[in-house]
C-alpha atoms as a PDB file:
ATOM      1  CA  MET A   1     118.956  69.808  30.886  1.00  0.00           C
ATOM      2  CA  ASP A   2     115.176  70.329  30.811  1.00  0.00           C
ATOM      3  CA  LEU A   3     114.054  67.161  29.040  1.00  0.00           C
ATOM      4  CA  PRO A   4     110.342  66.880  28.182  1.00  0.00           C
ATOM      5  CA  LEU A   5     108.026  64.014  28.956  1.00  0.00           C
ATOM      6  CA  VAL A   6     106.984  62.742  25.496  1.00  0.00           C
ATOM      7  CA  VAL A   7     103.588  61.195  24.805  1.00  0.00           C
ATOM      8  CA  GLY A   8     102.480  59.654  21.521  1.00  0.00           C
ATOM      9  CA  VAL A   9      99.060  60.857  20.368  1.00  0.00           C
ATOM     10  CA  ASP A  10      96.890  59.765  17.442  1.00  0.00           C
ATOM     11  CA  GLY A  11      93.341  60.601  18.531  1.00  0.00           C
ATOM     12  CA  SER A  12      92.482  57.045  19.579  1.00  0.00           C
ATOM     13  CA  PRO A  13      90.794  56.381  22.955  1.00  0.00           C
ATOM     14  CA  GLY A  14      93.943  54.668  24.228  1.00  0.00           C
ATOM     15  CA  SER A  15      96.134  57.624  23.320  1.00  0.00           C
ATOM     16  CA  LEU A  16      93.736  60.038  25.044  1.00  0.00           C
ATOM     17  CA  THR A  17      93.986  58.011  28.252  1.00  0.00           C
ATOM     18  CA  ALA A  18      97.778  58.026  27.877  1.00  0.00           C
ATOM     19  CA  LEU A  19      97.678  61.781  27.287  1.00  0.00           C
ATOM     20  CA  ASP A  20      95.712  62.425  30.487  1.00  0.00           C
ATOM     21  CA  TRP A  21      98.125  60.187  32.425  1.00  0.00           C
ATOM     22  CA  ALA A  22     101.109  62.007  30.913  1.00  0.00           C
ATOM     23  CA  VAL A  23      99.684  65.423  31.833  1.00  0.00           C
ATOM     24  CA  ASP A  24      99.398  64.402  35.483  1.00  0.00           C
ATOM     25  CA  GLU A  25     102.852  62.826  35.390  1.00  0.00           C
ATOM     26  CA  ALA A  26     104.508  65.902  33.872  1.00  0.00           C
ATOM     27  CA  ALA A  27     102.926  68.027  36.594  1.00  0.00           C
ATOM     28  CA  ARG A  28     104.213  65.684  39.328  1.00  0.00           C
ATOM     29  CA  HIS A  29     107.770  66.032  38.064  1.00  0.00           C
ATOM     30  CA  ASP A  30     107.496  69.675  36.913  1.00  0.00           C
ATOM     31  CA  VAL A  31     108.663  68.958  33.358  1.00  0.00           C
ATOM     32  CA  ARG A  32     107.484  70.039  29.930  1.00  0.00           C
ATOM     33  CA  LEU A  33     105.046  67.869  27.966  1.00  0.00           C
ATOM     34  CA  ARG A  34     105.725  67.139  24.301  1.00  0.00           C
ATOM     35  CA  LEU A  35     102.869  65.707  22.238  1.00  0.00           C
ATOM     36  CA  LEU A  36     104.044  63.742  19.203  1.00  0.00           C
ATOM     37  CA  TYR A  37     101.868  62.619  16.326  1.00  0.00           C
ATOM     38  CA  ALA A  38     103.646  60.579  13.640  1.00  0.00           C
ATOM     39  CA  SER A  39     102.336  60.467  10.074  1.00  0.00           C
ATOM     40  CA  LEU A  40     103.726  59.192   6.799  1.00  0.00           C
ATOM     41  CA  TRP A  41     101.564  61.231   4.421  1.00  0.00           C
ATOM     42  CA  GLU A  42     104.412  63.577   3.436  1.00  0.00           C
ATOM     43  CA  ARG A  43     106.429  60.654   2.066  1.00  0.00           C
ATOM     44  CA  TYR A  44     103.621  59.680  -0.234  1.00  0.00           C
ATOM     45  CA  GLU A  45     102.348  63.065  -1.266  1.00  0.00           C
ATOM     46  CA  GLY A  46     105.510  65.186  -1.265  1.00  0.00           C
ATOM     47  CA  ARG A  47     106.510  67.874   1.172  1.00  0.00           C
ATOM     48  CA  LEU A  48     104.864  70.761  -0.673  1.00  0.00           C
ATOM     49  CA  PRO A  49     101.174  71.404   0.078  1.00  0.00           C
ATOM     50  CA  PRO A  50      98.663  71.352  -2.809  1.00  0.00           C
ATOM     51  CA  ALA A  51      98.268  74.579  -4.732  1.00  0.00           C
ATOM     52  CA  ASP A  52      94.715  75.055  -3.536  1.00  0.00           C
ATOM     53  CA  GLY A  53      95.597  74.765   0.176  1.00  0.00           C
ATOM     54  CA  PRO A  54      96.464  72.186   2.815  1.00  0.00           C
ATOM     55  CA  SER A  55      95.706  68.542   2.102  1.00  0.00           C
ATOM     56  CA  ARG A  56      93.119  66.532   3.991  1.00  0.00           C
ATOM     57  CA  GLU A  57      95.965  64.678   5.717  1.00  0.00           C
ATOM     58  CA  THR A  58      97.517  67.934   6.928  1.00  0.00           C
ATOM     59  CA  LEU A  59      94.197  69.163   8.262  1.00  0.00           C
ATOM     60  CA  ALA A  60      93.616  65.844  10.020  1.00  0.00           C
ATOM     61  CA  GLU A  61      97.041  65.962  11.653  1.00  0.00           C
ATOM     62  CA  GLU A  62      96.468  69.525  12.806  1.00  0.00           C
ATOM     63  CA  ALA A  63      93.093  68.547  14.226  1.00  0.00           C
ATOM     64  CA  VAL A  64      94.629  65.699  16.242  1.00  0.00           C
ATOM     65  CA  THR A  65      97.523  67.721  17.639  1.00  0.00           C
ATOM     66  CA  LEU A  66      95.419  70.819  18.368  1.00  0.00           C
ATOM     67  CA  ALA A  67      92.764  68.748  20.123  1.00  0.00           C
ATOM     68  CA  ALA A  68      95.431  66.946  22.156  1.00  0.00           C
ATOM     69  CA  ALA A  69      97.141  70.191  23.133  1.00  0.00           C
ATOM     70  CA  ARG A  70      93.800  71.725  24.102  1.00  0.00           C
ATOM     71  CA  ARG A  71      92.898  68.671  26.195  1.00  0.00           C
ATOM     72  CA  ALA A  72      96.253  68.791  27.985  1.00  0.00           C
ATOM     73  CA  GLN A  73      96.010  72.504  28.689  1.00  0.00           C
ATOM     74  CA  GLU A  74      92.460  72.212  29.983  1.00  0.00           C
ATOM     75  CA  ARG A  75      93.511  69.392  32.315  1.00  0.00           C
ATOM     76  CA  ASP A  76      96.406  71.465  33.676  1.00  0.00           C
ATOM     77  CA  PRO A  77      96.478  75.133  32.603  1.00  0.00           C
ATOM     78  CA  ALA A  78      99.895  75.677  34.214  1.00  0.00           C
ATOM     79  CA  LEU A  79     101.587  72.904  32.225  1.00  0.00           C
ATOM     80  CA  ARG A  80     104.095  73.760  29.488  1.00  0.00           C
ATOM     81  CA  VAL A  81     102.822  71.935  26.384  1.00  0.00           C
ATOM     82  CA  HIS A  82     104.285  71.645  22.891  1.00  0.00           C
ATOM     83  CA  ALA A  83     102.828  69.610  20.017  1.00  0.00           C
ATOM     84  CA  ASP A  84     104.786  68.153  17.074  1.00  0.00           C
ATOM     85  CA  THR A  85     104.043  66.136  13.944  1.00  0.00           C
ATOM     86  CA  ALA A  86     106.718  63.839  12.516  1.00  0.00           C
ATOM     87  CA  PRO A  87     106.633  62.537   8.892  1.00  0.00           C
ATOM     88  CA  GLU A  88     107.726  59.041   9.944  1.00  0.00           C
ATOM     89  CA  GLU A  89     106.469  55.676  11.054  1.00  0.00           C
ATOM     90  CA  PRO A  90     105.221  56.006  14.666  1.00  0.00           C
ATOM     91  CA  VAL A  91     107.801  53.575  16.073  1.00  0.00           C
ATOM     92  CA  ASN A  92     110.739  55.344  14.443  1.00  0.00           C
ATOM     93  CA  ALA A  93     109.474  58.776  15.473  1.00  0.00           C
ATOM     94  CA  LEU A  94     108.930  57.797  19.101  1.00  0.00           C
ATOM     95  CA  VAL A  95     112.239  55.945  19.383  1.00  0.00           C
ATOM     96  CA  GLU A  96     114.053  58.980  17.974  1.00  0.00           C
ATOM     97  CA  ALA A  97     112.194  61.262  20.413  1.00  0.00           C
ATOM     98  CA  SER A  98     113.260  58.985  23.271  1.00  0.00           C
ATOM     99  CA  ARG A  99     116.861  60.119  22.790  1.00  0.00           C
ATOM    100  CA  HIS A 100     115.962  63.440  24.379  1.00  0.00           C
ATOM    101  CA  ALA A 101     113.090  62.646  26.743  1.00  0.00           C
ATOM    102  CA  PHE A 102     112.536  62.557  30.504  1.00  0.00           C
ATOM    103  CA  PHE A 103     110.619  59.448  29.629  1.00  0.00           C
ATOM    104  CA  LEU A 104     108.112  58.346  27.009  1.00  0.00           C
ATOM    105  CA  VAL A 105     104.412  57.470  27.347  1.00  0.00           C
ATOM    106  CA  THR A 106     102.181  55.504  24.977  1.00  0.00           C
ATOM    107  CA  GLY A 107      98.742  53.941  25.065  1.00  0.00           C
ATOM    108  CA  PRO A 108      98.283  50.175  24.724  1.00  0.00           C
ATOM    109  CA  SER A 109      97.131  50.377  21.094  1.00  0.00           C
ATOM    110  CA  GLY A 110      96.468  52.822  18.297  1.00  0.00           C
ATOM    111  CA  ARG A 111      93.655  53.609  15.884  1.00  0.00           C
ATOM    112  CA  GLY A 112      94.357  50.587  13.722  1.00  0.00           C
ATOM    113  CA  ALA A 113      94.470  48.032  16.529  1.00  0.00           C
ATOM    114  CA  LEU A 114      92.079  45.117  16.468  1.00  0.00           C
ATOM    115  CA  THR A 115      89.487  44.971  19.221  1.00  0.00           C
ATOM    116  CA  GLY A 116      90.676  42.687  21.992  1.00  0.00           C
ATOM    117  CA  ILE A 117      94.376  42.766  21.086  1.00  0.00           C
ATOM    118  CA  LEU A 118      96.569  42.586  24.189  1.00  0.00           C
ATOM    119  CA  LEU A 119      99.129  45.198  23.187  1.00  0.00           C
ATOM    120  CA  GLY A 120      99.591  47.157  19.987  1.00  0.00           C
ATOM    121  CA  SER A 121     102.702  46.560  17.894  1.00  0.00           C
ATOM    122  CA  VAL A 122     103.774  50.214  18.160  1.00  0.00           C
ATOM    123  CA  SER A 123     103.758  50.214  21.969  1.00  0.00           C
ATOM    124  CA  LEU A 124     105.603  46.890  22.123  1.00  0.00           C
ATOM    125  CA  ALA A 125     108.254  47.960  19.609  1.00  0.00           C
ATOM    126  CA  VAL A 126     108.807  51.323  21.303  1.00  0.00           C
ATOM    127  CA  ALA A 127     109.163  49.679  24.723  1.00  0.00           C
ATOM    128  CA  GLY A 128     111.763  47.363  23.204  1.00  0.00           C
ATOM    129  CA  ARG A 129     113.828  49.999  21.397  1.00  0.00           C
ATOM    130  CA  ALA A 130     113.560  53.283  23.291  1.00  0.00           C
ATOM    131  CA  HIS A 131     116.603  55.011  24.782  1.00  0.00           C
ATOM    132  CA  CYS A 132     114.705  56.151  27.880  1.00  0.00           C
ATOM    133  CA  PRO A 133     112.101  54.598  30.186  1.00  0.00           C
ATOM    134  CA  VAL A 134     108.778  53.867  28.462  1.00  0.00           C
ATOM    135  CA  VAL A 135     105.407  53.774  30.227  1.00  0.00           C
ATOM    136  CA  VAL A 136     102.562  51.936  28.521  1.00  0.00           C
ATOM    137  CA  VAL A 137      99.307  53.168  30.049  1.00  0.00           C
ATOM    138  CA  ARG A 138      97.035  50.181  30.506  1.00  0.00           C
ATOM    139  CA  GLY A 139      94.920  48.649  33.277  1.00  0.00           C
ATOM    140  CA  ASP A 140      91.695  49.512  35.054  1.00  0.00           C
ATOM    141  CA  ASP A 141      90.481  52.999  35.869  1.00  0.00           C
ATOM    142  CA  ALA A 142      91.596  52.903  39.515  1.00  0.00           C
ATOM    143  CA  ALA A 143      95.169  52.020  38.526  1.00  0.00           C
ATOM    144  CA  VAL A 144      95.320  54.652  35.788  1.00  0.00           C
ATOM    145  CA  ARG A 145      94.017  57.272  38.246  1.00  0.00           C
ATOM    146  CA  GLY A 146      96.604  56.249  40.838  1.00  0.00           C
ATOM    147  CA  ALA A 147      94.024  55.263  43.441  1.00  0.00           C
ATOM    148  CA  HIS A 148      96.012  52.430  45.063  1.00  0.00           C
ATOM    149  CA  GLY A 149      98.904  54.491  46.426  1.00  0.00           C
ATOM    150  CA  ARG A 150     101.504  51.888  45.466  1.00  0.00           C
ATOM    151  CA  VAL A 151     104.333  51.532  42.949  1.00  0.00           C
ATOM    152  CA  LEU A 152     105.335  47.914  42.292  1.00  0.00           C
ATOM    153  CA  VAL A 153     108.862  47.096  41.130  1.00  0.00           C
ATOM    154  CA  GLY A 154     110.161  43.768  39.942  1.00  0.00           C
ATOM    155  CA  VAL A 155     113.758  43.387  41.152  1.00  0.00           C
ATOM    156  CA  GLY A 156     115.609  41.343  38.565  1.00  0.00           C
ATOM    157  CA  ASP A 157     119.288  40.548  38.172  1.00  0.00           C
ATOM    158  CA  ALA A 158     122.153  42.845  39.110  1.00  0.00           C
ATOM    159  CA  ALA A 159     122.439  44.311  35.610  1.00  0.00           C
ATOM    160  CA  GLU A 160     118.855  45.517  35.274  1.00  0.00           C
ATOM    161  CA  ALA A 161     117.740  46.134  38.861  1.00  0.00           C
ATOM    162  CA  PRO A 162     119.417  49.472  39.820  1.00  0.00           C
ATOM    163  CA  ALA A 163     117.816  51.656  37.143  1.00  0.00           C
ATOM    164  CA  ALA A 164     114.366  50.104  37.631  1.00  0.00           C
ATOM    165  CA  VAL A 165     114.537  50.404  41.421  1.00  0.00           C
ATOM    166  CA  ARG A 166     115.637  54.032  41.302  1.00  0.00           C
ATOM    167  CA  PHE A 167     112.863  54.848  38.815  1.00  0.00           C
ATOM    168  CA  ALA A 168     110.298  53.220  41.114  1.00  0.00           C
ATOM    169  CA  PHE A 169     111.495  55.146  44.186  1.00  0.00           C
ATOM    170  CA  ARG A 170     111.559  58.444  42.301  1.00  0.00           C
ATOM    171  CA  GLU A 171     108.040  57.811  41.073  1.00  0.00           C
ATOM    172  CA  ALA A 172     106.798  56.897  44.548  1.00  0.00           C
ATOM    173  CA  ALA A 173     108.391  60.042  46.000  1.00  0.00           C
ATOM    174  CA  ALA A 174     106.685  62.212  43.376  1.00  0.00           C
ATOM    175  CA  ARG A 175     103.327  60.547  44.064  1.00  0.00           C
ATOM    176  CA  GLY A 176     103.705  60.425  47.850  1.00  0.00           C
ATOM    177  CA  CYS A 177     103.047  56.674  47.878  1.00  0.00           C
ATOM    178  CA  GLU A 178     104.776  53.444  48.899  1.00  0.00           C
ATOM    179  CA  VAL A 179     106.969  51.021  46.981  1.00  0.00           C
ATOM    180  CA  ARG A 180     106.348  47.295  46.925  1.00  0.00           C
ATOM    181  CA  ALA A 181     109.454  45.441  45.751  1.00  0.00           C
ATOM    182  CA  LEU A 182     109.278  41.808  44.642  1.00  0.00           C
ATOM    183  CA  ARG A 183     112.063  39.395  43.843  1.00  0.00           C
ATOM    184  CA  ALA A 184     111.188  35.919  42.585  1.00  0.00           C
ATOM    185  CA  TRP A 185     113.242  32.805  43.265  1.00  0.00           C
ATOM    186  CA  ARG A 186     112.970  29.204  42.148  1.00  0.00           C
ATOM    187  CA  HIS A 187     113.196  26.033  44.198  1.00  0.00           C
ATOM    188  CA  PRO A 188     116.405  24.285  43.045  1.00  0.00           C
ATOM    189  CA  GLY A 189     114.605  20.939  42.727  1.00  0.00           C
ATOM    190  CA  ARG A 190     111.382  22.162  41.163  1.00  0.00           C
ATOM    191  CA  GLN A 191     110.817  20.409  37.859  1.00  0.00           C
ATOM    192  CA  SER A 192     107.465  21.780  36.724  1.00  0.00           C
ATOM    193  CA  VAL A 193     104.624  24.003  37.858  1.00  0.00           C
ATOM    194  CA  ASP A 194     102.909  20.914  39.314  1.00  0.00           C
ATOM    195  CA  HIS A 195     105.925  19.603  41.229  1.00  0.00           C
ATOM    196  CA  TYR A 196     106.583  21.048  44.697  1.00  0.00           C
ATOM    197  CA  PRO A 197     109.495  19.283  46.445  1.00  0.00           C
ATOM    198  CA  LEU A 198     109.638  19.152  50.224  1.00  0.00           C
ATOM    199  CA  PRO A 199     111.645  21.925  51.942  1.00  0.00           C
ATOM    200  CA  SER A 200     115.372  21.275  52.010  1.00  0.00           C
ATOM    201  CA  GLY A 201     118.634  23.004  52.762  1.00  0.00           C
ATOM    202  CA  GLY A 202     118.841  24.023  49.121  1.00  0.00           C
ATOM    203  CA  THR A 203     115.405  25.612  49.358  1.00  0.00           C
ATOM    204  CA  LEU A 204     116.342  27.679  52.386  1.00  0.00           C
ATOM    205  CA  ASP A 205     119.610  28.747  50.774  1.00  0.00           C
ATOM    206  CA  ALA A 206     117.816  29.889  47.606  1.00  0.00           C
ATOM    207  CA  GLU A 207     115.194  31.829  49.523  1.00  0.00           C
ATOM    208  CA  GLU A 208     117.719  33.472  51.829  1.00  0.00           C
ATOM    209  CA  ARG A 209     119.935  34.388  48.885  1.00  0.00           C
ATOM    210  CA  ALA A 210     116.972  36.028  47.139  1.00  0.00           C
ATOM    211  CA  GLY A 211     116.254  38.035  50.288  1.00  0.00           C
ATOM    212  CA  ARG A 212     119.849  39.261  50.530  1.00  0.00           C
ATOM    213  CA  GLU A 213     119.911  40.192  46.846  1.00  0.00           C
ATOM    214  CA  LEU A 214     116.649  42.085  47.260  1.00  0.00           C
ATOM    215  CA  ASP A 215     117.986  44.052  50.241  1.00  0.00           C
ATOM    216  CA  ASP A 216     121.163  44.884  48.336  1.00  0.00           C
ATOM    217  CA  ALA A 217     119.224  46.058  45.290  1.00  0.00           C
ATOM    218  CA  LEU A 218     117.035  48.417  47.350  1.00  0.00           C
ATOM    219  CA  ARG A 219     119.699  49.932  49.596  1.00  0.00           C
ATOM    220  CA  ALA A 220     120.966  52.812  47.438  1.00  0.00           C
ATOM    221  CA  ALA A 221     117.517  54.020  46.358  1.00  0.00           C
ATOM    222  CA  ALA A 222     116.167  53.749  49.913  1.00  0.00           C
ATOM    223  CA  GLU A 223     119.017  55.989  51.097  1.00  0.00           C
ATOM    224  CA  GLU A 224     118.382  58.462  48.269  1.00  0.00           C
ATOM    225  CA  TYR A 225     114.626  58.591  49.009  1.00  0.00           C
ATOM    226  CA  PRO A 226     114.384  58.115  52.801  1.00  0.00           C
ATOM    227  CA  GLY A 227     110.770  59.309  52.916  1.00  0.00           C
ATOM    228  CA  VAL A 228     109.480  56.456  50.739  1.00  0.00           C
ATOM    229  CA  VAL A 229     107.943  53.530  52.624  1.00  0.00           C
ATOM    230  CA  VAL A 230     109.142  50.187  51.230  1.00  0.00           C
ATOM    231  CA  HIS A 231     107.563  46.760  51.507  1.00  0.00           C
ATOM    232  CA  ALA A 232     109.984  44.125  50.189  1.00  0.00           C
ATOM    233  CA  ALA A 233     109.149  40.473  49.654  1.00  0.00           C
ATOM    234  CA  THR A 234     110.480  37.397  47.916  1.00  0.00           C
ATOM    235  CA  VAL A 235     108.171  34.954  46.180  1.00  0.00           C
ATOM    236  CA  GLU A 236     108.800  31.452  44.847  1.00  0.00           C
ATOM    237  CA  GLY A 237     107.865  30.954  41.214  1.00  0.00           C
ATOM    238  CA  PRO A 238     108.195  32.615  37.800  1.00  0.00           C
ATOM    239  CA  PRO A 239     108.686  36.393  38.201  1.00  0.00           C
ATOM    240  CA  ARG A 240     106.351  37.251  35.349  1.00  0.00           C
ATOM    241  CA  ARG A 241     103.430  35.471  37.024  1.00  0.00           C
ATOM    242  CA  ALA A 242     104.176  37.014  40.437  1.00  0.00           C
ATOM    243  CA  LEU A 243     104.295  40.522  38.973  1.00  0.00           C
ATOM    244  CA  VAL A 244     101.096  40.157  36.961  1.00  0.00           C
ATOM    245  CA  ASP A 245      99.288  38.918  40.079  1.00  0.00           C
ATOM    246  CA  ALA A 246     100.701  41.731  42.248  1.00  0.00           C
ATOM    247  CA  SER A 247      99.819  44.390  39.663  1.00  0.00           C
ATOM    248  CA  GLU A 248      96.178  44.067  40.742  1.00  0.00           C
ATOM    249  CA  GLY A 249      96.728  46.548  43.582  1.00  0.00           C
ATOM    250  CA  ALA A 250      99.342  48.831  41.997  1.00  0.00           C
ATOM    251  CA  ASP A 251      99.237  52.151  40.163  1.00  0.00           C
ATOM    252  CA  LEU A 252     102.450  51.460  38.242  1.00  0.00           C
ATOM    253  CA  LEU A 253     104.558  48.355  37.641  1.00  0.00           C
ATOM    254  CA  VAL A 254     108.257  48.973  36.979  1.00  0.00           C
ATOM    255  CA  VAL A 255     110.557  46.413  35.359  1.00  0.00           C
ATOM    256  CA  GLY A 256     114.113  46.663  34.123  1.00  0.00           C
ATOM    257  CA  ALA A 257     115.527  45.638  30.773  1.00  0.00           C
ATOM    258  CA  VAL A 258     119.112  45.088  29.687  1.00  0.00           C
ATOM    259  CA  ARG A 259     120.366  46.716  26.501  1.00  0.00           C
ATOM    260  CA  ARG A 260     122.073  44.373  24.062  1.00  0.00           C
ATOM    261  CA  HIS A 261     124.901  45.879  22.032  1.00  0.00           C
ATOM    262  CA  HIS A 262     123.686  45.261  18.515  1.00  0.00           C
ATOM    263  CA  GLY A 263     121.559  46.990  15.907  1.00  0.00           C
ATOM    264  CA  LEU A 264     118.229  45.774  17.221  1.00  0.00           C
ATOM    265  CA  GLY A 265     118.520  47.939  20.346  1.00  0.00           C
ATOM    266  CA  LEU A 266     116.877  47.079  23.628  1.00  0.00           C
ATOM    267  CA  GLN A 267     115.403  43.596  23.635  1.00  0.00           C
ATOM    268  CA  LEU A 268     112.520  42.669  25.906  1.00  0.00           C
ATOM    269  CA  GLY A 269     112.836  39.519  27.983  1.00  0.00           C
ATOM    270  CA  ARG A 270     109.984  37.212  28.960  1.00  0.00           C
ATOM    271  CA  VAL A 271     109.136  39.193  32.106  1.00  0.00           C
ATOM    272  CA  SER A 272     108.818  42.555  30.356  1.00  0.00           C
ATOM    273  CA  HIS A 273     106.943  41.029  27.436  1.00  0.00           C
ATOM    274  CA  THR A 274     104.446  39.281  29.719  1.00  0.00           C
ATOM    275  CA  VAL A 275     103.679  42.246  31.983  1.00  0.00           C
ATOM    276  CA  LEU A 276     103.239  44.580  29.012  1.00  0.00           C
ATOM    277  CA  HIS A 277     100.523  42.252  27.749  1.00  0.00           C
ATOM    278  CA  HIS A 278      98.864  41.195  30.988  1.00  0.00           C
ATOM    279  CA  ALA A 279      99.521  43.665  33.838  1.00  0.00           C
ATOM    280  CA  ARG A 280      96.467  45.279  35.405  1.00  0.00           C
ATOM    281  CA  CYS A 281      98.122  48.692  35.729  1.00  0.00           C
ATOM    282  CA  PRO A 282     100.416  50.965  33.702  1.00  0.00           C
ATOM    283  CA  VAL A 283     103.842  49.427  33.053  1.00  0.00           C
ATOM    284  CA  ALA A 284     107.225  51.181  32.976  1.00  0.00           C
ATOM    285  CA  VAL A 285     110.095  49.456  31.143  1.00  0.00           C
ATOM    286  CA  VAL A 286     113.376  51.004  32.297  1.00  0.00           C
ATOM    287  CA  PRO A 287     116.573  50.369  30.306  1.00  0.00           C
ATOM    288  CA  ALA A 288     119.579  49.437  32.417  1.00  0.00           C
ATOM    289  CA  THR A 289     122.153  52.201  32.701  1.00  0.00           C
ATOM    290  CA  GLU A 290     124.904  51.642  30.193  1.00  0.00           C
END
């Protein structure tokens, strides 16, 4: 099934950066690009246009989608591009689109975001509810351009790791770059961030166990993508801090997320929530395979 890569557009600077990133990404994977602009004006004004012609809202929506489609086509003339407008709240529209998407791309904030906000509510909600992987395009220019040649993946527990690891390897293969895989572990006697116990048998056991779990988590994807160079490491401390620090030299940070079986959909844990706010590169949140 030829699923499109979906990118949310609204004309804001952040969405234009996300659009450019999505164009390059769709080309890497040879998939269609779907541009989606969500607007609620039809709910308030009715579905029929005014008698004297299109409303100002309709014209504005057309201007945004046409400009986005033109920008995408100019960036890559060979790309298959389709633009849509949905009469819904942006979160609902993007989550619904994620049901039939290769994956979904958003910017860090929209037109209404306050200056200096870490992450817009739309991007955070979509990352937490989408049915497919979501990439939030954030970080410095070098990371957004893919100048570092590295995909970073946080290897979490057995439930969330496989889908995230496979996504990271597939992305690295498409980009022709390396994977850096990190797994965090905690000293069994560590009581606070200021307390570092002396090495012990328990310490060595915890570190060795983390190394074995990391090797196990990478094995299947490494066999599927034998051409991808992998650098695996364990690090003592909170995983969210280790990943934010390591994101400095990455083009994409990939983390997994486990789907809870209730009406609220995918829930973001502390690691995903932290990296979405603080990572120095684009972040992919990959739902665990059900």
